Amino acid sequence: MQIHISKQDTITLTPVKENERLHHVNKPSKGLWTSTACRPHGEWTSDWWEFIKTNHLVRRAKYVHMFTIVGSPRILSVNRVSEIDDVYAKWGHDGLRSTWRETDMLDWVQIAHHFDAFYISKAVAQTTQFRTWDCESFVWFDPTYLKKQFTWKISKK
């Protein structure tokens, strides 16, 4: 299961045909962001939801959308820190550096052209190259591989 947290109660699942890179952080400009859902204590959570709660960002979140992955999406996965150099060797953008973090950037235009999603683990999200990702994440360039299961409104206690 995948969790997407948003301000909207509905989500449009349309593929990203063109993508750009954000010039100040190493992230694509478009895509649907999710994090892997789990139920360690009976309630659904994810690394993303835990990050939001820990950093007092709950006021920005209104809805949680739950999805399952269907079909066989092409996912570029970076699971271990040791894989970062290989990803940059193949998908790095020559000469483009983040103005905010002073790290090399990935070529999100090419990645979105060749893959349906990009994934990083929690360990990779904590490296200098992916610091602004904050947590374990997927960014879906073709979210038609996601099937919505349910949505719930976040209770602000």
N, C-alpha and C. Protein backbone atom coordinates (compact mmCIF):
# COMPACT_ATOMS: atom_id res chain seq x y z
N MET A 1 0.85 -1.18 0.00
CA MET A 1 0.00 0.00 0.00
C MET A 1 0.89 1.24 0.00
N GLN A 2 0.35 2.28 -0.61
CA GLN A 2 1.03 3.56 -0.68
C GLN A 2 0.14 4.64 -0.08
N ILE A 3 0.75 5.59 0.62
CA ILE A 3 0.04 6.72 1.22
C ILE A 3 0.42 8.00 0.49
N HIS A 4 -0.60 8.80 0.16
CA HIS A 4 -0.38 10.14 -0.35
C HIS A 4 -1.15 11.07 0.58
N ILE A 5 -0.49 12.12 1.05
CA ILE A 5 -1.10 13.07 1.98
C ILE A 5 -1.28 14.39 1.26
N SER A 6 -2.48 14.97 1.35
CA SER A 6 -2.74 16.19 0.59
C SER A 6 -3.75 17.10 1.27
N LYS A 7 -3.94 18.25 0.67
CA LYS A 7 -4.97 19.20 1.10
C LYS A 7 -6.29 18.92 0.40
N GLN A 8 -6.27 18.16 -0.69
CA GLN A 8 -7.47 17.90 -1.48
C GLN A 8 -8.07 16.54 -1.14
N ASP A 9 -9.39 16.46 -1.25
CA ASP A 9 -10.05 15.19 -0.99
C ASP A 9 -10.10 14.29 -2.23
N THR A 10 -9.77 14.83 -3.39
CA THR A 10 -9.70 14.02 -4.61
C THR A 10 -8.32 14.20 -5.24
N ILE A 11 -7.88 13.17 -5.91
CA ILE A 11 -6.57 13.18 -6.56
C ILE A 11 -6.77 12.78 -8.02
N THR A 12 -6.18 13.54 -8.92
CA THR A 12 -6.23 13.22 -10.34
C THR A 12 -5.00 12.39 -10.69
N LEU A 13 -5.23 11.21 -11.24
CA LEU A 13 -4.13 10.31 -11.58
C LEU A 13 -3.85 10.38 -13.08
N THR A 14 -3.12 11.39 -13.49
CA THR A 14 -2.76 11.53 -14.90
C THR A 14 -1.25 11.48 -15.04
N PRO A 15 -0.77 10.82 -16.09
CA PRO A 15 0.68 10.73 -16.30
C PRO A 15 1.30 12.10 -16.56
N VAL A 16 2.54 12.24 -16.13
CA VAL A 16 3.32 13.44 -16.38
C VAL A 16 3.98 13.27 -17.74
N LYS A 17 3.63 14.11 -18.69
CA LYS A 17 4.19 13.99 -20.04
C LYS A 17 5.50 14.78 -20.17
N GLU A 18 5.59 15.87 -19.48
CA GLU A 18 6.81 16.70 -19.49
C GLU A 18 7.21 16.91 -18.04
N ASN A 19 8.48 16.86 -17.77
CA ASN A 19 8.94 17.12 -16.42
C ASN A 19 10.10 18.08 -16.46
N GLU A 20 10.26 18.77 -15.40
CA GLU A 20 11.37 19.72 -15.26
C GLU A 20 12.04 19.41 -13.94
N ARG A 21 13.15 19.99 -13.73
CA ARG A 21 13.82 19.85 -12.44
C ARG A 21 13.65 21.16 -11.67
N LEU A 22 13.56 21.06 -10.39
CA LEU A 22 13.55 22.24 -9.56
C LEU A 22 15.01 22.66 -9.41
N HIS A 23 15.32 23.90 -9.64
CA HIS A 23 16.72 24.33 -9.66
C HIS A 23 17.34 24.52 -8.29
N HIS A 24 16.54 24.56 -7.25
CA HIS A 24 17.11 24.77 -5.93
C HIS A 24 17.19 23.49 -5.10
N VAL A 25 16.50 22.44 -5.49
CA VAL A 25 16.58 21.15 -4.79
C VAL A 25 16.61 20.02 -5.81
N ASN A 26 17.09 18.88 -5.40
CA ASN A 26 17.21 17.73 -6.28
C ASN A 26 15.91 16.92 -6.30
N LYS A 27 14.86 17.53 -6.85
CA LYS A 27 13.55 16.89 -6.97
C LYS A 27 12.95 17.24 -8.32
N PRO A 28 12.08 16.36 -8.85
CA PRO A 28 11.36 16.72 -10.07
C PRO A 28 10.26 17.73 -9.75
N SER A 29 9.86 18.49 -10.76
CA SER A 29 8.83 19.51 -10.54
C SER A 29 7.42 18.94 -10.54
N LYS A 30 7.24 17.76 -11.12
CA LYS A 30 5.90 17.18 -11.24
C LYS A 30 5.93 15.71 -10.86
N GLY A 31 4.79 15.22 -10.43
CA GLY A 31 4.63 13.82 -10.06
C GLY A 31 3.75 13.70 -8.84
N LEU A 32 3.29 12.51 -8.56
CA LEU A 32 2.47 12.23 -7.39
C LEU A 32 3.38 11.54 -6.36
N TRP A 33 3.49 12.14 -5.19
CA TRP A 33 4.38 11.63 -4.15
C TRP A 33 3.64 10.68 -3.22
N THR A 34 4.27 9.54 -2.93
CA THR A 34 3.71 8.59 -1.98
C THR A 34 4.82 8.06 -1.09
N SER A 35 4.41 7.37 -0.04
CA SER A 35 5.33 6.68 0.86
C SER A 35 4.69 5.34 1.19
N THR A 36 5.51 4.35 1.47
CA THR A 36 5.00 3.00 1.73
C THR A 36 4.22 2.96 3.04
N ALA A 37 3.01 2.43 2.98
CA ALA A 37 2.13 2.35 4.14
C ALA A 37 2.42 1.08 4.94
N CYS A 38 2.25 1.20 6.26
CA CYS A 38 2.38 0.03 7.13
C CYS A 38 1.44 0.22 8.32
N ARG A 39 1.23 -0.86 9.06
CA ARG A 39 0.35 -0.83 10.24
C ARG A 39 1.06 -1.45 11.44
N PRO A 40 2.09 -0.81 11.96
CA PRO A 40 2.84 -1.44 13.05
C PRO A 40 2.05 -1.55 14.37
N HIS A 41 1.09 -0.66 14.59
CA HIS A 41 0.32 -0.67 15.84
C HIS A 41 -1.17 -0.60 15.58
N GLY A 42 -1.61 -1.14 14.44
CA GLY A 42 -3.02 -1.19 14.12
C GLY A 42 -3.53 -0.05 13.27
N GLU A 43 -2.88 1.12 13.31
CA GLU A 43 -3.29 2.26 12.50
C GLU A 43 -2.32 2.44 11.34
N TRP A 44 -2.86 2.87 10.21
CA TRP A 44 -2.00 3.10 9.05
C TRP A 44 -1.04 4.26 9.30
N THR A 45 0.18 4.09 8.83
CA THR A 45 1.17 5.15 8.90
C THR A 45 2.16 4.96 7.75
N SER A 46 3.10 5.86 7.65
CA SER A 46 4.18 5.75 6.67
C SER A 46 5.33 6.63 7.15
N ASP A 47 6.47 6.49 6.53
CA ASP A 47 7.60 7.34 6.88
C ASP A 47 7.25 8.81 6.65
N TRP A 48 6.50 9.09 5.59
CA TRP A 48 6.08 10.46 5.27
C TRP A 48 5.16 11.00 6.38
N TRP A 49 4.16 10.21 6.79
CA TRP A 49 3.22 10.65 7.82
C TRP A 49 3.95 10.89 9.14
N GLU A 50 4.90 10.01 9.48
CA GLU A 50 5.67 10.19 10.71
C GLU A 50 6.52 11.46 10.63
N PHE A 51 7.09 11.77 9.47
CA PHE A 51 7.87 13.00 9.28
C PHE A 51 6.96 14.22 9.49
N ILE A 52 5.76 14.18 8.94
CA ILE A 52 4.82 15.30 9.07
C ILE A 52 4.47 15.53 10.55
N LYS A 53 4.19 14.44 11.26
CA LYS A 53 3.84 14.58 12.68
C LYS A 53 5.02 15.07 13.51
N THR A 54 6.19 14.51 13.27
CA THR A 54 7.39 14.87 14.03
C THR A 54 7.78 16.33 13.83
N ASN A 55 7.56 16.85 12.63
CA ASN A 55 7.96 18.21 12.30
C ASN A 55 6.81 19.21 12.38
N HIS A 56 5.74 18.83 13.05
CA HIS A 56 4.60 19.71 13.31
C HIS A 56 4.02 20.31 12.03
N LEU A 57 3.88 19.49 11.02
CA LEU A 57 3.32 19.94 9.74
C LEU A 57 1.90 19.43 9.51
N VAL A 58 1.29 18.83 10.51
CA VAL A 58 -0.04 18.23 10.37
C VAL A 58 -1.07 19.26 9.93
N ARG A 59 -0.92 20.51 10.35
CA ARG A 59 -1.90 21.55 9.97
C ARG A 59 -2.01 21.71 8.46
N ARG A 60 -0.97 21.35 7.72
CA ARG A 60 -0.99 21.46 6.26
C ARG A 60 -1.69 20.28 5.59
N ALA A 61 -1.82 19.18 6.31
CA ALA A 61 -2.39 17.96 5.74
C ALA A 61 -3.87 17.86 6.09
N LYS A 62 -4.68 17.51 5.11
CA LYS A 62 -6.12 17.37 5.36
C LYS A 62 -6.64 15.96 5.07
N TYR A 63 -6.05 15.29 4.07
CA TYR A 63 -6.54 13.98 3.65
C TYR A 63 -5.40 13.00 3.46
N VAL A 64 -5.70 11.75 3.76
CA VAL A 64 -4.78 10.65 3.48
C VAL A 64 -5.45 9.77 2.43
N HIS A 65 -4.72 9.53 1.34
CA HIS A 65 -5.21 8.68 0.25
C HIS A 65 -4.39 7.40 0.24
N MET A 66 -5.08 6.28 0.19
CA MET A 66 -4.40 4.98 0.18
C MET A 66 -4.51 4.34 -1.20
N PHE A 67 -3.39 3.83 -1.69
CA PHE A 67 -3.31 3.22 -3.01
C PHE A 67 -2.61 1.87 -2.94
N THR A 68 -2.95 1.01 -3.88
CA THR A 68 -2.14 -0.19 -4.13
C THR A 68 -1.47 0.00 -5.48
N ILE A 69 -0.31 -0.62 -5.63
CA ILE A 69 0.39 -0.58 -6.91
C ILE A 69 -0.15 -1.72 -7.76
N VAL A 70 -0.53 -1.41 -9.01
CA VAL A 70 -1.06 -2.42 -9.92
C VAL A 70 -0.16 -2.51 -11.16
N GLY A 71 -0.18 -3.65 -11.79
CA GLY A 71 0.61 -3.82 -13.01
C GLY A 71 2.09 -3.95 -12.68
N SER A 72 2.90 -3.59 -13.65
CA SER A 72 4.36 -3.71 -13.52
C SER A 72 5.04 -2.38 -13.89
N PRO A 73 4.95 -1.40 -13.00
CA PRO A 73 5.57 -0.12 -13.32
C PRO A 73 7.10 -0.23 -13.37
N ARG A 74 7.69 0.59 -14.21
CA ARG A 74 9.16 0.70 -14.28
C ARG A 74 9.57 1.69 -13.20
N ILE A 75 10.25 1.19 -12.17
CA ILE A 75 10.64 2.03 -11.04
C ILE A 75 12.16 2.07 -10.93
N LEU A 76 12.71 3.27 -10.94
CA LEU A 76 14.13 3.44 -10.67
C LEU A 76 14.26 3.55 -9.15
N SER A 77 14.83 2.51 -8.53
CA SER A 77 14.91 2.43 -7.07
C SER A 77 16.33 2.65 -6.58
N VAL A 78 16.45 3.46 -5.55
CA VAL A 78 17.72 3.64 -4.86
C VAL A 78 17.48 3.21 -3.42
N ASN A 79 17.83 1.96 -3.14
CA ASN A 79 17.56 1.36 -1.84
C ASN A 79 18.69 1.53 -0.84
N ARG A 80 19.94 1.54 -1.34
CA ARG A 80 21.10 1.62 -0.47
C ARG A 80 21.96 2.83 -0.84
N VAL A 81 22.61 3.39 0.15
CA VAL A 81 23.49 4.53 -0.07
C VAL A 81 24.56 4.16 -1.10
N SER A 82 25.00 2.92 -1.11
CA SER A 82 26.04 2.47 -2.04
C SER A 82 25.59 2.53 -3.50
N GLU A 83 24.29 2.67 -3.76
CA GLU A 83 23.77 2.73 -5.13
C GLU A 83 23.72 4.16 -5.70
N ILE A 84 23.92 5.17 -4.86
CA ILE A 84 23.78 6.56 -5.30
C ILE A 84 24.74 6.89 -6.44
N ASP A 85 26.00 6.51 -6.33
CA ASP A 85 26.99 6.84 -7.37
C ASP A 85 26.59 6.26 -8.72
N ASP A 86 26.07 5.03 -8.73
CA ASP A 86 25.63 4.41 -9.99
C ASP A 86 24.47 5.18 -10.61
N VAL A 87 23.52 5.62 -9.78
CA VAL A 87 22.37 6.38 -10.29
C VAL A 87 22.85 7.70 -10.88
N TYR A 88 23.76 8.37 -10.21
CA TYR A 88 24.29 9.64 -10.72
C TYR A 88 25.11 9.43 -11.99
N ALA A 89 25.84 8.31 -12.06
CA ALA A 89 26.65 8.04 -13.26
C ALA A 89 25.75 7.90 -14.49
N LYS A 90 24.58 7.29 -14.32
CA LYS A 90 23.69 7.06 -15.45
C LYS A 90 22.68 8.19 -15.65
N TRP A 91 22.18 8.79 -14.57
CA TRP A 91 21.07 9.74 -14.66
C TRP A 91 21.41 11.13 -14.15
N GLY A 92 22.67 11.40 -13.86
CA GLY A 92 23.07 12.72 -13.40
C GLY A 92 22.98 13.75 -14.51
N HIS A 93 22.74 14.99 -14.14
CA HIS A 93 22.66 16.09 -15.11
C HIS A 93 23.99 16.82 -15.07
N ASP A 94 24.80 16.66 -16.10
CA ASP A 94 26.13 17.26 -16.15
C ASP A 94 26.06 18.77 -15.95
N GLY A 95 26.83 19.24 -15.00
CA GLY A 95 26.98 20.68 -14.81
C GLY A 95 25.88 21.36 -14.03
N LEU A 96 24.80 20.66 -13.71
CA LEU A 96 23.71 21.31 -12.97
C LEU A 96 23.85 20.96 -11.50
N ARG A 97 23.95 21.98 -10.68
CA ARG A 97 24.06 21.79 -9.24
C ARG A 97 22.94 22.55 -8.54
N SER A 98 22.54 22.01 -7.41
CA SER A 98 21.54 22.67 -6.58
C SER A 98 22.11 23.97 -6.06
N THR A 99 21.34 25.03 -6.16
CA THR A 99 21.79 26.32 -5.63
C THR A 99 21.61 26.38 -4.11
N TRP A 100 20.81 25.48 -3.57
CA TRP A 100 20.52 25.51 -2.15
C TRP A 100 21.43 24.57 -1.36
N ARG A 101 21.65 23.37 -1.86
CA ARG A 101 22.42 22.37 -1.13
C ARG A 101 23.80 22.09 -1.71
N GLU A 102 24.11 22.72 -2.84
CA GLU A 102 25.41 22.50 -3.48
C GLU A 102 25.68 21.02 -3.73
N THR A 103 24.70 20.33 -4.28
CA THR A 103 24.88 18.94 -4.68
C THR A 103 24.54 18.81 -6.15
N ASP A 104 25.08 17.78 -6.76
CA ASP A 104 24.75 17.52 -8.15
C ASP A 104 23.29 17.14 -8.27
N MET A 105 22.73 17.40 -9.44
CA MET A 105 21.31 17.15 -9.67
C MET A 105 21.12 15.96 -10.60
N LEU A 106 20.00 15.29 -10.46
CA LEU A 106 19.62 14.25 -11.40
C LEU A 106 18.86 14.88 -12.55
N ASP A 107 18.88 14.22 -13.69
CA ASP A 107 18.16 14.69 -14.87
C ASP A 107 16.74 14.13 -14.83
N TRP A 108 15.86 14.87 -14.16
CA TRP A 108 14.48 14.39 -13.95
C TRP A 108 13.71 14.29 -15.25
N VAL A 109 14.05 15.06 -16.24
CA VAL A 109 13.38 14.96 -17.54
C VAL A 109 13.61 13.57 -18.12
N GLN A 110 14.85 13.11 -18.11
CA GLN A 110 15.18 11.80 -18.65
C GLN A 110 14.65 10.66 -17.78
N ILE A 111 14.73 10.82 -16.48
CA ILE A 111 14.22 9.78 -15.59
C ILE A 111 12.72 9.59 -15.80
N ALA A 112 11.97 10.69 -15.88
CA ALA A 112 10.52 10.60 -16.09
C ALA A 112 10.20 10.01 -17.46
N HIS A 113 11.08 10.21 -18.43
CA HIS A 113 10.87 9.65 -19.77
C HIS A 113 11.07 8.13 -19.78
N HIS A 114 11.98 7.62 -18.97
CA HIS A 114 12.32 6.19 -18.98
C HIS A 114 11.65 5.36 -17.89
N PHE A 115 11.12 6.01 -16.86
CA PHE A 115 10.54 5.28 -15.74
C PHE A 115 9.15 5.81 -15.39
N ASP A 116 8.36 4.95 -14.73
CA ASP A 116 7.03 5.33 -14.27
C ASP A 116 7.08 5.94 -12.87
N ALA A 117 8.16 5.63 -12.13
CA ALA A 117 8.31 6.16 -10.77
C ALA A 117 9.79 6.14 -10.38
N PHE A 118 10.09 6.92 -9.36
CA PHE A 118 11.42 6.95 -8.77
C PHE A 118 11.24 6.73 -7.28
N TYR A 119 12.10 5.88 -6.69
CA TYR A 119 11.97 5.52 -5.28
C TYR A 119 13.29 5.71 -4.56
N ILE A 120 13.23 6.24 -3.32
CA ILE A 120 14.40 6.22 -2.45
C ILE A 120 13.99 5.71 -1.06
N SER A 121 14.91 4.97 -0.45
CA SER A 121 14.69 4.45 0.89
C SER A 121 14.94 5.55 1.93
N LYS A 122 14.60 5.27 3.17
CA LYS A 122 14.81 6.23 4.25
C LYS A 122 16.30 6.54 4.41
N ALA A 123 17.15 5.51 4.31
CA ALA A 123 18.59 5.73 4.45
C ALA A 123 19.12 6.66 3.36
N VAL A 124 18.65 6.49 2.13
CA VAL A 124 19.09 7.34 1.02
C VAL A 124 18.55 8.76 1.19
N ALA A 125 17.33 8.90 1.71
CA ALA A 125 16.74 10.23 1.92
C ALA A 125 17.53 11.06 2.92
N GLN A 126 18.36 10.43 3.72
CA GLN A 126 19.13 11.14 4.73
C GLN A 126 20.53 11.51 4.25
N THR A 127 20.84 11.26 2.99
CA THR A 127 22.14 11.63 2.45
C THR A 127 22.12 13.06 1.93
N THR A 128 23.29 13.62 1.71
CA THR A 128 23.40 14.98 1.19
C THR A 128 22.70 15.12 -0.16
N GLN A 129 22.84 14.13 -1.04
CA GLN A 129 22.27 14.22 -2.38
C GLN A 129 20.74 14.28 -2.37
N PHE A 130 20.10 13.68 -1.37
CA PHE A 130 18.63 13.62 -1.33
C PHE A 130 18.06 14.22 -0.05
N ARG A 131 18.79 15.09 0.58
CA ARG A 131 18.41 15.65 1.88
C ARG A 131 17.01 16.27 1.88
N THR A 132 16.62 16.92 0.82
CA THR A 132 15.31 17.58 0.79
C THR A 132 14.14 16.62 0.60
N TRP A 133 14.41 15.34 0.42
CA TRP A 133 13.33 14.37 0.29
C TRP A 133 12.74 14.02 1.63
N ASP A 134 13.47 14.14 2.70
CA ASP A 134 13.02 14.02 4.08
C ASP A 134 12.69 12.60 4.54
N CYS A 135 12.19 11.74 3.68
CA CYS A 135 11.75 10.41 4.13
C CYS A 135 11.68 9.45 2.94
N GLU A 136 11.42 8.20 3.25
CA GLU A 136 11.23 7.17 2.21
C GLU A 136 10.12 7.65 1.29
N SER A 137 10.38 7.65 -0.02
CA SER A 137 9.41 8.25 -0.94
C SER A 137 9.42 7.61 -2.32
N PHE A 138 8.26 7.66 -2.93
CA PHE A 138 8.10 7.42 -4.36
C PHE A 138 7.64 8.73 -4.97
N VAL A 139 8.10 9.02 -6.18
CA VAL A 139 7.45 10.06 -6.97
C VAL A 139 7.00 9.34 -8.25
N TRP A 140 5.69 9.40 -8.51
CA TRP A 140 5.08 8.68 -9.64
C TRP A 140 4.94 9.63 -10.82
N PHE A 141 5.58 9.29 -11.92
CA PHE A 141 5.43 10.04 -13.17
C PHE A 141 4.23 9.51 -13.94
N ASP A 142 3.91 8.24 -13.73
CA ASP A 142 2.71 7.64 -14.31
C ASP A 142 1.88 7.00 -13.20
N PRO A 143 1.05 7.79 -12.53
CA PRO A 143 0.28 7.27 -11.40
C PRO A 143 -0.88 6.37 -11.79
N THR A 144 -1.03 6.07 -13.08
CA THR A 144 -2.08 5.12 -13.46
C THR A 144 -1.74 3.71 -12.96
N TYR A 145 -0.53 3.52 -12.45
CA TYR A 145 -0.15 2.25 -11.83
C TYR A 145 -0.62 2.18 -10.38
N LEU A 146 -1.30 3.21 -9.92
CA LEU A 146 -1.84 3.23 -8.57
C LEU A 146 -3.35 3.10 -8.62
N LYS A 147 -3.89 2.22 -7.79
CA LYS A 147 -5.33 2.05 -7.69
C LYS A 147 -5.77 2.55 -6.31
N LYS A 148 -6.64 3.54 -6.32
CA LYS A 148 -7.09 4.12 -5.05
C LYS A 148 -7.95 3.12 -4.28
N GLN A 149 -7.65 2.98 -3.01
CA GLN A 149 -8.40 2.08 -2.14
C GLN A 149 -9.38 2.84 -1.27
N PHE A 150 -8.92 3.89 -0.63
CA PHE A 150 -9.81 4.72 0.19
C PHE A 150 -9.11 6.01 0.57
N THR A 151 -9.90 6.96 1.08
CA THR A 151 -9.41 8.26 1.55
C THR A 151 -10.04 8.53 2.90
N TRP A 152 -9.30 9.14 3.80
CA TRP A 152 -9.91 9.60 5.04
C TRP A 152 -9.43 10.99 5.38
N LYS A 153 -10.30 11.72 6.07
CA LYS A 153 -9.98 13.08 6.51
C LYS A 153 -9.19 13.00 7.81
N ILE A 154 -8.14 13.79 7.89
CA ILE A 154 -7.27 13.78 9.06
C ILE A 154 -7.96 14.54 10.20
N SER A 155 -8.00 13.91 11.33
CA SER A 155 -8.58 14.53 12.53
C SER A 155 -7.52 15.40 13.19
N LYS A 156 -7.84 16.65 13.44
CA LYS A 156 -6.91 17.59 14.08
C LYS A 156 -7.24 17.66 15.57
N LYS A 157 -6.63 16.79 16.34
CA LYS A 157 -6.93 16.74 17.78
C LYS A 157 -6.16 17.78 18.53
